[in-house]
Amino acid sequence: MQTFVQTFIETIVETFIRTIVWAIIEPFVETFVETFVETFIETFIETFIETFVETFVETFVETFVETFVETFVETFVETFVETTH
């Protein structure tokens, strides 16, 4: 009888604990992971990529336009004007 009661209580307690714990922990973990991943992706990656792309494009375009195009155009025009006159 004692073995039956002991086994019954252990089974009930294990099942109860497993059920309750998983009922509480699983949604928490799922919610945390979903929220963290969504927030991380939306916030960090989008912000990083957006900032990087904006900065890179602005810097590259400004540098390219200011340096290459202006230098090329000035040099070409000066050379062309000197050569033709």
PDB file of N, CA and C in Angstrom:
ATOM      1  N   MET A   1       0.814  -1.191   0.000  1.00  0.00           N
ATOM      2  CA  MET A   1       0.000   0.000   0.000  1.00  0.00           C
ATOM      3  C   MET A   1       0.861   1.259   0.000  1.00  0.00           C
ATOM      4  N   GLN A   2       1.921   1.219   0.801  1.00  0.00           N
ATOM      5  CA  GLN A   2       2.800   2.371   0.880  1.00  0.00           C
ATOM      6  C   GLN A   2       3.459   2.645  -0.467  1.00  0.00           C
ATOM      7  N   THR A   3       3.863   1.621  -1.173  1.00  0.00           N
ATOM      8  CA  THR A   3       4.480   1.778  -2.482  1.00  0.00           C
ATOM      9  C   THR A   3       3.492   2.382  -3.464  1.00  0.00           C
ATOM     10  N   PHE A   4       2.257   1.922  -3.397  1.00  0.00           N
ATOM     11  CA  PHE A   4       1.234   2.458  -4.303  1.00  0.00           C
ATOM     12  C   PHE A   4       1.005   3.938  -4.026  1.00  0.00           C
ATOM     13  N   VAL A   5       0.862   4.289  -2.753  1.00  0.00           N
ATOM     14  CA  VAL A   5       0.629   5.690  -2.371  1.00  0.00           C
ATOM     15  C   VAL A   5       1.841   6.530  -2.741  1.00  0.00           C
ATOM     16  N   GLN A   6       3.005   6.007  -2.459  1.00  0.00           N
ATOM     17  CA  GLN A   6       4.249   6.737  -2.770  1.00  0.00           C
ATOM     18  C   GLN A   6       4.365   6.959  -4.279  1.00  0.00           C
ATOM     19  N   THR A   7       4.147   5.924  -5.043  1.00  0.00           N
ATOM     20  CA  THR A   7       4.210   6.025  -6.503  1.00  0.00           C
ATOM     21  C   THR A   7       3.135   6.969  -7.014  1.00  0.00           C
ATOM     22  N   PHE A   8       1.947   6.857  -6.470  1.00  0.00           N
ATOM     23  CA  PHE A   8       0.838   7.716  -6.882  1.00  0.00           C
ATOM     24  C   PHE A   8       1.163   9.182  -6.606  1.00  0.00           C
ATOM     25  N   ILE A   9       1.655   9.439  -5.397  1.00  0.00           N
ATOM     26  CA  ILE A   9       1.999  10.824  -5.025  1.00  0.00           C
ATOM     27  C   ILE A   9       3.145  11.326  -5.901  1.00  0.00           C
ATOM     28  N   GLU A  10       4.174  10.528  -6.100  1.00  0.00           N
ATOM     29  CA  GLU A  10       5.295  10.942  -6.947  1.00  0.00           C
ATOM     30  C   GLU A  10       4.807  11.241  -8.366  1.00  0.00           C
ATOM     31  N   THR A  11       3.950  10.375  -8.876  1.00  0.00           N
ATOM     32  CA  THR A  11       3.433  10.571 -10.231  1.00  0.00           C
ATOM     33  C   THR A  11       2.602  11.840 -10.313  1.00  0.00           C
ATOM     34  N   ILE A  12       1.732  12.031  -9.353  1.00  0.00           N
ATOM     35  CA  ILE A  12       0.890  13.236  -9.339  1.00  0.00           C
ATOM     36  C   ILE A  12       1.755  14.480  -9.209  1.00  0.00           C
ATOM     37  N   VAL A  13       2.695  14.446  -8.282  1.00  0.00           N
ATOM     38  CA  VAL A  13       3.563  15.608  -8.060  1.00  0.00           C
ATOM     39  C   VAL A  13       4.404  15.884  -9.294  1.00  0.00           C
ATOM     40  N   GLU A  14       5.027  14.853  -9.863  1.00  0.00           N
ATOM     41  CA  GLU A  14       5.828  15.037 -11.075  1.00  0.00           C
ATOM     42  C   GLU A  14       4.980  15.591 -12.211  1.00  0.00           C
ATOM     43  N   THR A  15       3.829  14.986 -12.414  1.00  0.00           N
ATOM     44  CA  THR A  15       2.949  15.431 -13.499  1.00  0.00           C
ATOM     45  C   THR A  15       2.486  16.853 -13.260  1.00  0.00           C
ATOM     46  N   PHE A  16       2.088  17.133 -12.014  1.00  0.00           N
ATOM     47  CA  PHE A  16       1.617  18.467 -11.673  1.00  0.00           C
ATOM     48  C   PHE A  16       2.725  19.492 -11.879  1.00  0.00           C
ATOM     49  N   ILE A  17       3.907  19.189 -11.334  1.00  0.00           N
ATOM     50  CA  ILE A  17       5.030  20.126 -11.455  1.00  0.00           C
ATOM     51  C   ILE A  17       5.409  20.307 -12.919  1.00  0.00           C
ATOM     52  N   ARG A  18       5.531  19.209 -13.640  1.00  0.00           N
ATOM     53  CA  ARG A  18       5.897  19.285 -15.048  1.00  0.00           C
ATOM     54  C   ARG A  18       4.866  20.107 -15.822  1.00  0.00           C
ATOM     55  N   THR A  19       3.592  19.849 -15.560  1.00  0.00           N
ATOM     56  CA  THR A  19       2.523  20.555 -16.274  1.00  0.00           C
ATOM     57  C   THR A  19       2.517  22.029 -15.929  1.00  0.00           C
ATOM     58  N   ILE A  20       2.553  22.335 -14.645  1.00  0.00           N
ATOM     59  CA  ILE A  20       2.514  23.732 -14.202  1.00  0.00           C
ATOM     60  C   ILE A  20       3.769  24.466 -14.654  1.00  0.00           C
ATOM     61  N   VAL A  21       4.912  23.850 -14.421  1.00  0.00           N
ATOM     62  CA  VAL A  21       6.174  24.515 -14.783  1.00  0.00           C
ATOM     63  C   VAL A  21       6.218  24.784 -16.279  1.00  0.00           C
ATOM     64  N   TRP A  22       5.892  23.776 -17.081  1.00  0.00           N
ATOM     65  CA  TRP A  22       5.917  23.978 -18.525  1.00  0.00           C
ATOM     66  C   TRP A  22       4.830  24.940 -18.971  1.00  0.00           C
ATOM     67  N   ALA A  23       3.714  24.941 -18.290  1.00  0.00           N
ATOM     68  CA  ALA A  23       2.639  25.875 -18.633  1.00  0.00           C
ATOM     69  C   ALA A  23       3.067  27.315 -18.379  1.00  0.00           C
ATOM     70  N   ILE A  24       3.925  27.493 -17.385  1.00  0.00           N
ATOM     71  CA  ILE A  24       4.408  28.847 -17.066  1.00  0.00           C
ATOM     72  C   ILE A  24       5.657  29.177 -17.875  1.00  0.00           C
ATOM     73  N   ILE A  25       6.613  28.270 -17.889  1.00  0.00           N
ATOM     74  CA  ILE A  25       7.913  28.551 -18.505  1.00  0.00           C
ATOM     75  C   ILE A  25       7.829  28.592 -20.029  1.00  0.00           C
ATOM     76  N   GLU A  26       7.140  27.648 -20.637  1.00  0.00           N
ATOM     77  CA  GLU A  26       7.117  27.575 -22.096  1.00  0.00           C
ATOM     78  C   GLU A  26       6.589  28.857 -22.746  1.00  0.00           C
ATOM     79  N   PRO A  27       5.420  29.369 -22.316  1.00  0.00           N
ATOM     80  CA  PRO A  27       4.967  30.626 -22.924  1.00  0.00           C
ATOM     81  C   PRO A  27       5.921  31.783 -22.658  1.00  0.00           C
ATOM     82  N   PHE A  28       6.507  31.797 -21.458  1.00  0.00           N
ATOM     83  CA  PHE A  28       7.457  32.857 -21.137  1.00  0.00           C
ATOM     84  C   PHE A  28       8.650  32.801 -22.078  1.00  0.00           C
ATOM     85  N   VAL A  29       9.205  31.592 -22.247  1.00  0.00           N
ATOM     86  CA  VAL A  29      10.372  31.428 -23.118  1.00  0.00           C
ATOM     87  C   VAL A  29      10.003  31.776 -24.556  1.00  0.00           C
ATOM     88  N   GLU A  30       8.874  31.270 -25.021  1.00  0.00           N
ATOM     89  CA  GLU A  30       8.446  31.579 -26.389  1.00  0.00           C
ATOM     90  C   GLU A  30       8.259  33.077 -26.572  1.00  0.00           C
ATOM     91  N   THR A  31       7.570  33.701 -25.631  1.00  0.00           N
ATOM     92  CA  THR A  31       7.325  35.147 -25.719  1.00  0.00           C
ATOM     93  C   THR A  31       8.631  35.914 -25.660  1.00  0.00           C
ATOM     94  N   PHE A  32       9.508  35.523 -24.748  1.00  0.00           N
ATOM     95  CA  PHE A  32      10.788  36.208 -24.608  1.00  0.00           C
ATOM     96  C   PHE A  32      11.600  36.085 -25.890  1.00  0.00           C
ATOM     97  N   VAL A  33      11.698  34.872 -26.410  1.00  0.00           N
ATOM     98  CA  VAL A  33      12.490  34.653 -27.618  1.00  0.00           C
ATOM     99  C   VAL A  33      11.883  35.413 -28.791  1.00  0.00           C
ATOM    100  N   GLU A  34      10.581  35.302 -28.966  1.00  0.00           N
ATOM    101  CA  GLU A  34       9.933  36.016 -30.068  1.00  0.00           C
ATOM    102  C   GLU A  34      10.132  37.522 -29.926  1.00  0.00           C
ATOM    103  N   THR A  35       9.913  38.031 -28.729  1.00  0.00           N
ATOM    104  CA  THR A  35      10.054  39.472 -28.498  1.00  0.00           C
ATOM    105  C   THR A  35      11.496  39.903 -28.684  1.00  0.00           C
ATOM    106  N   PHE A  36      12.405  39.154 -28.100  1.00  0.00           N
ATOM    107  CA  PHE A  36      13.821  39.509 -28.206  1.00  0.00           C
ATOM    108  C   PHE A  36      14.273  39.480 -29.651  1.00  0.00           C
ATOM    109  N   VAL A  37      13.936  38.411 -30.354  1.00  0.00           N
ATOM    110  CA  VAL A  37      14.370  38.281 -31.744  1.00  0.00           C
ATOM    111  C   VAL A  37      13.744  39.382 -32.596  1.00  0.00           C
ATOM    112  N   GLU A  38      12.440  39.590 -32.433  1.00  0.00           N
ATOM    113  CA  GLU A  38      11.783  40.648 -33.205  1.00  0.00           C
ATOM    114  C   GLU A  38      12.399  41.998 -32.890  1.00  0.00           C
ATOM    115  N   THR A  39      12.567  42.281 -31.603  1.00  0.00           N
ATOM    116  CA  THR A  39      13.128  43.572 -31.193  1.00  0.00           C
ATOM    117  C   THR A  39      14.559  43.705 -31.687  1.00  0.00           C
ATOM    118  N   PHE A  40      15.336  42.649 -31.528  1.00  0.00           N
ATOM    119  CA  PHE A  40      16.726  42.691 -31.962  1.00  0.00           C
ATOM    120  C   PHE A  40      16.795  42.938 -33.462  1.00  0.00           C
ATOM    121  N   ILE A  41      16.022  42.170 -34.214  1.00  0.00           N
ATOM    122  CA  ILE A  41      16.056  42.314 -35.669  1.00  0.00           C
ATOM    123  C   ILE A  41      15.557  43.690 -36.073  1.00  0.00           C
ATOM    124  N   GLU A  42      14.405  44.084 -35.533  1.00  0.00           N
ATOM    125  CA  GLU A  42      13.841  45.372 -35.924  1.00  0.00           C
ATOM    126  C   GLU A  42      14.712  46.532 -35.480  1.00  0.00           C
ATOM    127  N   THR A  43      15.183  46.474 -34.257  1.00  0.00           N
ATOM    128  CA  THR A  43      15.912  47.613 -33.704  1.00  0.00           C
ATOM    129  C   THR A  43      17.360  47.624 -34.133  1.00  0.00           C
ATOM    130  N   PHE A  44      18.080  46.608 -33.759  1.00  0.00           N
ATOM    131  CA  PHE A  44      19.528  46.636 -33.976  1.00  0.00           C
ATOM    132  C   PHE A  44      19.884  46.513 -35.443  1.00  0.00           C
ATOM    133  N   ILE A  45      19.420  45.446 -36.066  1.00  0.00           N
ATOM    134  CA  ILE A  45      19.848  45.182 -37.437  1.00  0.00           C
ATOM    135  C   ILE A  45      19.324  46.256 -38.388  1.00  0.00           C
ATOM    136  N   GLU A  46      18.026  46.574 -38.294  1.00  0.00           N
ATOM    137  CA  GLU A  46      17.497  47.596 -39.194  1.00  0.00           C
ATOM    138  C   GLU A  46      18.176  48.936 -38.953  1.00  0.00           C
ATOM    139  N   THR A  47      18.366  49.285 -37.683  1.00  0.00           N
ATOM    140  CA  THR A  47      19.029  50.550 -37.362  1.00  0.00           C
ATOM    141  C   THR A  47      20.466  50.527 -37.849  1.00  0.00           C
ATOM    142  N   PHE A  48      21.158  49.434 -37.582  1.00  0.00           N
ATOM    143  CA  PHE A  48      22.551  49.322 -38.003  1.00  0.00           C
ATOM    144  C   PHE A  48      22.654  49.415 -39.517  1.00  0.00           C
ATOM    145  N   ILE A  49      21.848  48.621 -40.206  1.00  0.00           N
ATOM    146  CA  ILE A  49      21.913  48.606 -41.667  1.00  0.00           C
ATOM    147  C   ILE A  49      21.511  49.970 -42.219  1.00  0.00           C
ATOM    148  N   GLU A  50      20.435  50.517 -41.686  1.00  0.00           N
ATOM    149  CA  GLU A  50      19.972  51.822 -42.154  1.00  0.00           C
ATOM    150  C   GLU A  50      21.058  52.876 -41.951  1.00  0.00           C
ATOM    151  N   THR A  51      21.623  52.901 -40.754  1.00  0.00           N
ATOM    152  CA  THR A  51      22.666  53.878 -40.440  1.00  0.00           C
ATOM    153  C   THR A  51      23.898  53.637 -41.299  1.00  0.00           C
ATOM    154  N   PHE A  52      24.302  52.383 -41.410  1.00  0.00           N
ATOM    155  CA  PHE A  52      25.485  52.057 -42.199  1.00  0.00           C
ATOM    156  C   PHE A  52      25.275  52.455 -43.656  1.00  0.00           C
ATOM    157  N   VAL A  53      24.138  52.074 -44.206  1.00  0.00           N
ATOM    158  CA  VAL A  53      23.870  52.369 -45.615  1.00  0.00           C
ATOM    159  C   VAL A  53      23.798  53.875 -45.829  1.00  0.00           C
ATOM    160  N   GLU A  54      23.062  54.561 -44.955  1.00  0.00           N
ATOM    161  CA  GLU A  54      22.970  56.018 -45.100  1.00  0.00           C
ATOM    162  C   GLU A  54      24.347  56.660 -45.008  1.00  0.00           C
ATOM    163  N   THR A  55      25.101  56.261 -44.000  1.00  0.00           N
ATOM    164  CA  THR A  55      26.428  56.840 -43.801  1.00  0.00           C
ATOM    165  C   THR A  55      27.343  56.493 -44.965  1.00  0.00           C
ATOM    166  N   PHE A  56      27.330  55.225 -45.374  1.00  0.00           N
ATOM    167  CA  PHE A  56      28.179  54.808 -46.476  1.00  0.00           C
ATOM    168  C   PHE A  56      27.805  55.550 -47.753  1.00  0.00           C
ATOM    169  N   VAL A  57      26.525  55.589 -48.055  1.00  0.00           N
ATOM    170  CA  VAL A  57      26.084  56.238 -49.289  1.00  0.00           C
ATOM    171  C   VAL A  57      26.415  57.727 -49.243  1.00  0.00           C
ATOM    172  N   GLU A  58      26.085  58.370 -48.125  1.00  0.00           N
ATOM    173  CA  GLU A  58      26.389  59.796 -48.025  1.00  0.00           C
ATOM    174  C   GLU A  58      27.887  60.049 -48.159  1.00  0.00           C
ATOM    175  N   THR A  59      28.668  59.282 -47.426  1.00  0.00           N
ATOM    176  CA  THR A  59      30.121  59.467 -47.446  1.00  0.00           C
ATOM    177  C   THR A  59      30.687  59.138 -48.815  1.00  0.00           C
ATOM    178  N   PHE A  60      30.279  58.003 -49.376  1.00  0.00           N
ATOM    179  CA  PHE A  60      30.795  57.595 -50.672  1.00  0.00           C
ATOM    180  C   PHE A  60      30.401  58.601 -51.748  1.00  0.00           C
ATOM    181  N   VAL A  61      29.130  58.960 -51.767  1.00  0.00           N
ATOM    182  CA  VAL A  61      28.653  59.893 -52.802  1.00  0.00           C
ATOM    183  C   VAL A  61      29.338  61.233 -52.639  1.00  0.00           C
ATOM    184  N   GLU A  62      29.375  61.743 -51.403  1.00  0.00           N
ATOM    185  CA  GLU A  62      30.040  63.032 -51.197  1.00  0.00           C
ATOM    186  C   GLU A  62      31.511  62.957 -51.607  1.00  0.00           C
ATOM    187  N   THR A  63      32.184  61.928 -51.160  1.00  0.00           N
ATOM    188  CA  THR A  63      33.599  61.777 -51.471  1.00  0.00           C
ATOM    189  C   THR A  63      33.804  61.582 -52.961  1.00  0.00           C
ATOM    190  N   PHE A  64      33.000  60.723 -53.544  1.00  0.00           N
ATOM    191  CA  PHE A  64      33.128  60.462 -54.972  1.00  0.00           C
ATOM    192  C   PHE A  64      32.858  61.727 -55.768  1.00  0.00           C
ATOM    193  N   VAL A  65      31.765  62.407 -55.449  1.00  0.00           N
ATOM    194  CA  VAL A  65      31.411  63.621 -56.189  1.00  0.00           C
ATOM    195  C   VAL A  65      32.462  64.692 -55.973  1.00  0.00           C
ATOM    196  N   GLU A  66      32.812  64.917 -54.714  1.00  0.00           N
ATOM    197  CA  GLU A  66      33.768  65.989 -54.438  1.00  0.00           C
ATOM    198  C   GLU A  66      35.155  65.677 -54.993  1.00  0.00           C
ATOM    199  N   THR A  67      35.602  64.472 -54.797  1.00  0.00           N
ATOM    200  CA  THR A  67      36.966  64.141 -55.161  1.00  0.00           C
ATOM    201  C   THR A  67      37.092  63.779 -56.630  1.00  0.00           C
ATOM    202  N   PHE A  68      36.454  62.717 -57.030  1.00  0.00           N
ATOM    203  CA  PHE A  68      36.659  62.204 -58.373  1.00  0.00           C
ATOM    204  C   PHE A  68      36.050  63.106 -59.437  1.00  0.00           C
ATOM    205  N   VAL A  69      34.770  63.383 -59.298  1.00  0.00           N
ATOM    206  CA  VAL A  69      34.085  64.141 -60.349  1.00  0.00           C
ATOM    207  C   VAL A  69      34.661  65.542 -60.460  1.00  0.00           C
ATOM    208  N   GLU A  70      34.785  66.239 -59.327  1.00  0.00           N
ATOM    209  CA  GLU A  70      35.306  67.603 -59.401  1.00  0.00           C
ATOM    210  C   GLU A  70      36.741  67.613 -59.940  1.00  0.00           C
ATOM    211  N   THR A  71      37.554  66.702 -59.465  1.00  0.00           N
ATOM    212  CA  THR A  71      38.938  66.625 -59.927  1.00  0.00           C
ATOM    213  C   THR A  71      38.979  66.262 -61.411  1.00  0.00           C
ATOM    214  N   PHE A  72      38.213  65.281 -61.787  1.00  0.00           N
ATOM    215  CA  PHE A  72      38.179  64.861 -63.176  1.00  0.00           C
ATOM    216  C   PHE A  72      37.682  65.993 -64.072  1.00  0.00           C
ATOM    217  N   VAL A  73      36.581  66.604 -63.672  1.00  0.00           N
ATOM    218  CA  VAL A  73      36.008  67.679 -64.489  1.00  0.00           C
ATOM    219  C   VAL A  73      36.986  68.849 -64.560  1.00  0.00           C
ATOM    220  N   GLU A  74      37.539  69.254 -63.431  1.00  0.00           N
ATOM    221  CA  GLU A  74      38.501  70.370 -63.440  1.00  0.00           C
ATOM    222  C   GLU A  74      39.686  70.044 -64.341  1.00  0.00           C
ATOM    223  N   THR A  75      40.236  68.870 -64.156  1.00  0.00           N
ATOM    224  CA  THR A  75      41.399  68.467 -64.935  1.00  0.00           C
ATOM    225  C   THR A  75      41.043  68.379 -66.417  1.00  0.00           C
ATOM    226  N   PHE A  76      39.923  67.773 -66.709  1.00  0.00           N
ATOM    227  CA  PHE A  76      39.504  67.633 -68.090  1.00  0.00           C
ATOM    228  C   PHE A  76      39.262  68.999 -68.729  1.00  0.00           C
ATOM    229  N   VAL A  77      38.528  69.850 -68.022  1.00  0.00           N
ATOM    230  CA  VAL A  77      38.215  71.186 -68.572  1.00  0.00           C
ATOM    231  C   VAL A  77      39.497  71.986 -68.733  1.00  0.00           C
ATOM    232  N   GLU A  78      40.350  71.983 -67.714  1.00  0.00           N
ATOM    233  CA  GLU A  78      41.610  72.735 -67.815  1.00  0.00           C
ATOM    234  C   GLU A  78      42.455  72.212 -68.978  1.00  0.00           C
ATOM    235  N   THR A  79      42.561  70.919 -69.075  1.00  0.00           N
ATOM    236  CA  THR A  79      43.347  70.325 -70.143  1.00  0.00           C
ATOM    237  C   THR A  79      42.722  70.636 -71.498  1.00  0.00           C
ATOM    238  N   PHE A  80      41.432  70.517 -71.592  1.00  0.00           N
ATOM    239  CA  PHE A  80      40.736  70.799 -72.831  1.00  0.00           C
ATOM    240  C   PHE A  80      40.898  72.252 -73.234  1.00  0.00           C
ATOM    241  N   VAL A  81      40.735  73.156 -72.262  1.00  0.00           N
ATOM    242  CA  VAL A  81      40.845  74.593 -72.546  1.00  0.00           C
ATOM    243  C   VAL A  81      42.286  74.914 -72.947  1.00  0.00           C
ATOM    244  N   GLU A  82      43.245  74.380 -72.228  1.00  0.00           N
ATOM    245  CA  GLU A  82      44.651  74.655 -72.544  1.00  0.00           C
ATOM    246  C   GLU A  82      45.011  74.092 -73.912  1.00  0.00           C
ATOM    247  N   THR A  83      44.495  72.938 -74.217  1.00  0.00           N
ATOM    248  CA  THR A  83      44.817  72.281 -75.477  1.00  0.00           C
ATOM    249  C   THR A  83      44.157  72.989 -76.652  1.00  0.00           C
ATOM    250  N   THR A  84      42.961  73.443 -76.479  1.00  0.00           N
ATOM    251  CA  THR A  84      42.249  74.073 -77.594  1.00  0.00           C
ATOM    252  C   THR A  84      42.612  75.527 -77.783  1.00  0.00           C
ATOM    253  N   HIS A  85      43.203  76.154 -76.787  1.00  0.00           N
ATOM    254  CA  HIS A  85      43.541  77.587 -76.949  1.00  0.00           C
ATOM    255  C   HIS A  85      44.992  77.744 -77.153  1.00  0.00           C
TER     256      HIS A  85
END
